[in-house]
Amino acid sequence: MILPDNRIVIVVDQRPKDARTPRERCVDDEIAALGGAPSALAMGTIDLKCSQR
């Protein structure tokens, strides 16, 4: 966009900030990778995998 005084301004759209913790993002990503309905065993594995984040 060019302003009336001939300065050029670049407009960049921003994504909304993700307020989840790294652990929450990890759990959500792992559940999505399994198709959305993990078993109790899978949840235990996910919990262990994401516990260090």
C-alpha atoms as a PDB file:
ATOM      1  CA  MET A   1       0.000   0.000   0.000  1.00  0.00           C
ATOM      2  CA  ILE A   2       1.361   3.431  -0.851  1.00  0.00           C
ATOM      3  CA  LEU A   3       0.464   6.322   1.434  1.00  0.00           C
ATOM      4  CA  PRO A   4      -0.284   9.842   0.142  1.00  0.00           C
ATOM      5  CA  ASP A   5       3.245  10.967   1.102  1.00  0.00           C
ATOM      6  CA  ASN A   6       4.693   8.138  -1.090  1.00  0.00           C
ATOM      7  CA  ARG A   7       5.769   5.935   1.834  1.00  0.00           C
ATOM      8  CA  ILE A   8       5.207   2.229   1.271  1.00  0.00           C
ATOM      9  CA  VAL A   9       3.447   0.257   3.984  1.00  0.00           C
ATOM     10  CA  ILE A  10       3.333  -3.526   3.992  1.00  0.00           C
ATOM     11  CA  VAL A  11       0.301  -5.051   5.689  1.00  0.00           C
ATOM     12  CA  VAL A  12       0.803  -8.522   7.174  1.00  0.00           C
ATOM     13  CA  ASP A  13      -2.032 -10.640   8.518  1.00  0.00           C
ATOM     14  CA  GLN A  14      -1.279 -12.299  11.848  1.00  0.00           C
ATOM     15  CA  ARG A  15      -2.563 -15.598  13.140  1.00  0.00           C
ATOM     16  CA  PRO A  16      -4.358 -15.557  16.459  1.00  0.00           C
ATOM     17  CA  LYS A  17      -2.008 -16.328  19.341  1.00  0.00           C
ATOM     18  CA  ASP A  18      -2.103 -19.941  20.482  1.00  0.00           C
ATOM     19  CA  ALA A  19      -2.626 -19.750  24.254  1.00  0.00           C
ATOM     20  CA  ARG A  20      -2.046 -23.467  24.828  1.00  0.00           C
ATOM     21  CA  THR A  21       1.016 -24.682  26.706  1.00  0.00           C
ATOM     22  CA  PRO A  22       3.629 -26.721  24.818  1.00  0.00           C
ATOM     23  CA  ARG A  23       2.341 -29.840  26.615  1.00  0.00           C
ATOM     24  CA  GLU A  24      -1.265 -29.121  25.556  1.00  0.00           C
ATOM     25  CA  ARG A  25      -0.142 -28.622  21.941  1.00  0.00           C
ATOM     26  CA  CYS A  26       1.797 -31.904  22.094  1.00  0.00           C
ATOM     27  CA  VAL A  27      -1.206 -33.821  23.452  1.00  0.00           C
ATOM     28  CA  ASP A  28      -3.549 -32.275  20.876  1.00  0.00           C
ATOM     29  CA  ASP A  29      -1.142 -33.080  18.022  1.00  0.00           C
ATOM     30  CA  GLU A  30      -0.701 -36.686  19.155  1.00  0.00           C
ATOM     31  CA  ILE A  31      -4.462 -37.220  19.526  1.00  0.00           C
ATOM     32  CA  ALA A  32      -5.039 -35.746  16.059  1.00  0.00           C
ATOM     33  CA  ALA A  33      -2.369 -38.047  14.612  1.00  0.00           C
ATOM     34  CA  LEU A  34      -4.255 -41.049  16.021  1.00  0.00           C
ATOM     35  CA  GLY A  35      -7.540 -39.943  14.502  1.00  0.00           C
ATOM     36  CA  GLY A  36      -9.119 -38.225  17.483  1.00  0.00           C
ATOM     37  CA  ALA A  37     -10.261 -41.067  19.751  1.00  0.00           C
ATOM     38  CA  PRO A  38      -7.260 -42.691  21.475  1.00  0.00           C
ATOM     39  CA  SER A  39      -7.610 -45.675  23.795  1.00  0.00           C
ATOM     40  CA  ALA A  40      -6.639 -45.496  27.461  1.00  0.00           C
ATOM     41  CA  LEU A  41      -3.313 -47.135  26.611  1.00  0.00           C
ATOM     42  CA  ALA A  42      -2.666 -44.609  23.839  1.00  0.00           C
ATOM     43  CA  MET A  43      -3.512 -41.736  26.211  1.00  0.00           C
ATOM     44  CA  GLY A  44      -0.998 -43.107  28.720  1.00  0.00           C
ATOM     45  CA  THR A  45       1.635 -43.213  25.994  1.00  0.00           C
ATOM     46  CA  ILE A  46       0.780 -39.682  24.868  1.00  0.00           C
ATOM     47  CA  ASP A  47       0.896 -38.444  28.463  1.00  0.00           C
ATOM     48  CA  LEU A  48       4.348 -39.966  28.930  1.00  0.00           C
ATOM     49  CA  LYS A  49       5.622 -38.612  25.607  1.00  0.00           C
ATOM     50  CA  CYS A  50       4.355 -35.090  26.280  1.00  0.00           C
ATOM     51  CA  SER A  51       5.194 -34.940  29.999  1.00  0.00           C
ATOM     52  CA  GLN A  52       8.615 -33.353  29.454  1.00  0.00           C
ATOM     53  CA  ARG A  53       7.271 -30.325  27.581  1.00  0.00           C
END
